[in-house]
Amino acid sequence: MSALFSLGRLFAPGLIAVFALAPADEKSPHTKDSLPVVQQRLEDEKAVLIDVREKAEWDAGHLKQAQLLPLSELGKKPRDAKYSIATLKKKLPTDKPIYLHCKAGGRCVLVAEALRKELGPNYDLRPLKPGYDELVKAGFEPLEATK
């Protein structure tokens, strides 16, 4: 069974809370890159930003530079072709950091771990600890809700 399919079955809010409340130390699964570094890399097109929140959360507002890759889509079998491993391998760069974000820093860790197993070691996946609201407060440009 694929890691992504297993992820979809095992996903639970309690698990996210564990990641979200974990102390930020050197063992943290989140990137050590500062938010200004992340912003600059995105502006210079030297990184990619993936939003792993659900479609309804995305529609309520998302970051201008982000691409949507909902956690729930990764657990589906058969999954939407735009979220298939073959499509992701073609779409995601191997020569740039891929930052992942969610609402509170938990789901992006789960997605990064699952994608590492599915995509292989050539992808530089870096989950962000700050969630959507914190990223907006830090100066990441949001797009308004879509109706």
Protein backbone atom coordinates (compact mmCIF):
# COMPACT_ATOMS: atom_id res chain seq x y z
CA MET A 1 0.00 0.00 0.00
CA SER A 2 1.37 3.41 -0.91
CA ALA A 3 2.51 5.77 1.81
CA LEU A 4 0.05 8.40 0.59
CA PHE A 5 -2.90 6.04 0.75
CA SER A 6 -1.89 4.99 4.26
CA LEU A 7 -1.59 8.64 5.19
CA GLY A 8 -5.17 9.25 4.12
CA ARG A 9 -6.42 6.44 6.37
CA LEU A 10 -4.29 7.40 9.37
CA PHE A 11 -4.83 11.16 9.23
CA ALA A 12 -6.37 12.39 12.48
CA PRO A 13 -6.74 15.84 14.08
CA GLY A 14 -4.99 14.58 17.22
CA LEU A 15 -1.86 13.79 15.24
CA ILE A 16 -1.82 17.29 13.79
CA ALA A 17 -2.11 18.75 17.27
CA VAL A 18 0.99 16.83 18.34
CA PHE A 19 3.02 18.36 15.49
CA ALA A 20 1.55 21.83 16.02
CA LEU A 21 2.36 21.84 19.74
CA ALA A 22 5.80 20.26 19.50
CA PRO A 23 8.61 22.51 20.73
CA ALA A 24 10.68 24.16 18.04
CA ASP A 25 14.15 22.66 18.49
CA GLU A 26 16.82 21.11 16.32
CA LYS A 27 14.77 17.90 16.04
CA SER A 28 11.79 19.73 14.58
CA PRO A 29 10.62 18.38 11.20
CA HIS A 30 10.10 21.96 10.02
CA THR A 31 12.56 23.91 7.91
CA LYS A 32 15.13 26.07 9.65
CA ASP A 33 14.90 28.64 6.83
CA SER A 34 13.74 32.02 8.10
CA LEU A 35 10.57 33.54 6.64
CA PRO A 36 12.49 36.39 4.97
CA VAL A 37 14.70 33.79 3.24
CA VAL A 38 11.61 31.85 2.13
CA GLN A 39 9.97 35.03 0.82
CA GLN A 40 13.08 36.06 -1.09
CA ARG A 41 13.48 32.63 -2.68
CA LEU A 42 9.84 32.68 -3.76
CA GLU A 43 10.15 36.19 -5.20
CA ASP A 44 13.32 35.20 -7.07
CA GLU A 45 11.58 32.02 -8.32
CA LYS A 46 14.25 29.96 -6.57
CA ALA A 47 11.64 28.01 -4.57
CA VAL A 48 8.09 26.70 -4.83
CA LEU A 49 5.28 27.04 -2.26
CA ILE A 50 2.67 24.31 -1.81
CA ASP A 51 -0.50 24.77 0.26
CA VAL A 52 -1.66 21.41 1.64
CA ARG A 53 -4.88 22.71 3.18
CA GLU A 54 -8.21 21.55 1.82
CA LYS A 55 -9.97 23.16 -1.16
CA ALA A 56 -12.51 24.97 1.06
CA GLU A 57 -9.67 26.51 3.09
CA TRP A 58 -7.89 27.50 -0.14
CA ASP A 59 -11.09 29.07 -1.48
CA ALA A 60 -11.46 31.10 1.74
CA GLY A 61 -8.07 32.70 1.01
CA HIS A 62 -4.61 31.57 -0.02
CA LEU A 63 -1.14 32.90 -0.67
CA LYS A 64 -0.51 34.42 -4.08
CA GLN A 65 2.57 32.31 -4.80
CA ALA A 66 1.13 29.00 -3.57
CA GLN A 67 -0.07 25.97 -5.49
CA LEU A 68 -2.77 23.74 -4.01
CA LEU A 69 -2.06 20.12 -3.09
CA PRO A 70 -4.72 19.10 -0.53
CA LEU A 71 -3.75 16.41 1.95
CA SER A 72 -7.05 14.59 1.36
CA GLU A 73 -6.32 14.22 -2.35
CA LEU A 74 -3.11 12.36 -1.56
CA GLY A 75 -5.03 9.68 0.31
CA LYS A 76 -7.49 8.94 -2.49
CA LYS A 77 -7.25 5.92 -4.74
CA PRO A 78 -7.59 6.45 -7.62
CA ARG A 79 -6.64 10.04 -7.06
CA ASP A 80 -7.25 13.01 -9.33
CA ALA A 81 -4.71 12.90 -12.18
CA LYS A 82 -3.38 16.36 -11.29
CA TYR A 83 -2.33 15.00 -7.88
CA SER A 84 -0.91 11.68 -9.11
CA ILE A 85 2.69 10.85 -8.32
CA ALA A 86 3.55 10.87 -12.04
CA THR A 87 2.10 14.39 -12.41
CA LEU A 88 3.81 15.65 -9.27
CA LYS A 89 7.15 14.29 -10.47
CA LYS A 90 6.74 16.28 -13.69
CA LYS A 91 5.41 19.41 -11.98
CA LEU A 92 7.66 19.74 -8.92
CA PRO A 93 11.25 20.91 -9.36
CA THR A 94 14.24 18.87 -8.23
CA ASP A 95 16.56 21.88 -8.30
CA LYS A 96 14.73 24.18 -5.86
CA PRO A 97 13.36 23.96 -2.32
CA ILE A 98 9.68 23.06 -2.14
CA TYR A 99 8.11 24.76 0.87
CA LEU A 100 4.86 23.32 2.20
CA HIS A 101 2.41 25.12 4.46
CA CYS A 102 -0.98 24.47 6.04
CA LYS A 103 -3.02 26.11 8.78
CA ALA A 104 -0.84 25.29 11.80
CA GLY A 105 2.28 23.42 10.67
CA GLY A 106 1.09 19.83 11.17
CA ARG A 107 -0.39 18.68 7.88
CA CYS A 108 2.55 20.00 5.88
CA VAL A 109 4.90 17.73 7.87
CA LEU A 110 2.70 14.72 7.12
CA VAL A 111 2.58 15.56 3.42
CA ALA A 112 6.34 16.17 3.24
CA GLU A 113 7.05 12.78 4.85
CA ALA A 114 4.64 10.98 2.53
CA LEU A 115 5.95 12.76 -0.58
CA ARG A 116 9.54 11.92 0.34
CA LYS A 117 8.57 8.24 0.33
CA GLU A 118 6.63 8.48 -2.92
CA LEU A 119 8.77 10.91 -4.94
CA GLY A 120 12.19 9.84 -3.74
CA PRO A 121 15.23 11.73 -2.47
CA ASN A 122 15.60 14.16 -5.39
CA TYR A 123 12.96 16.56 -4.03
CA ASP A 124 13.90 19.13 -1.36
CA LEU A 125 10.68 19.24 0.69
CA ARG A 126 10.65 21.79 3.51
CA PRO A 127 7.56 22.08 5.74
CA LEU A 128 6.95 25.51 7.28
CA LYS A 129 6.03 25.76 10.95
CA PRO A 130 4.01 28.99 10.59
CA GLY A 131 0.50 28.46 9.31
CA TYR A 132 -1.45 30.46 6.77
CA ASP A 133 -2.46 33.32 9.10
CA GLU A 134 1.09 33.67 10.47
CA LEU A 135 2.50 33.75 6.94
CA VAL A 136 0.10 36.54 5.98
CA LYS A 137 1.10 38.49 9.12
CA ALA A 138 4.76 37.98 8.16
CA GLY A 139 4.17 39.67 4.81
CA PHE A 140 3.33 36.84 2.41
CA GLU A 141 0.79 38.21 -0.07
CA PRO A 142 -2.69 36.68 0.24
CA LEU A 143 -5.33 36.42 -2.44
CA GLU A 144 -8.87 37.06 -1.37
CA ALA A 145 -11.51 34.40 -1.07
CA THR A 146 -13.01 32.98 -4.24
CA LYS A 147 -16.75 32.52 -4.33
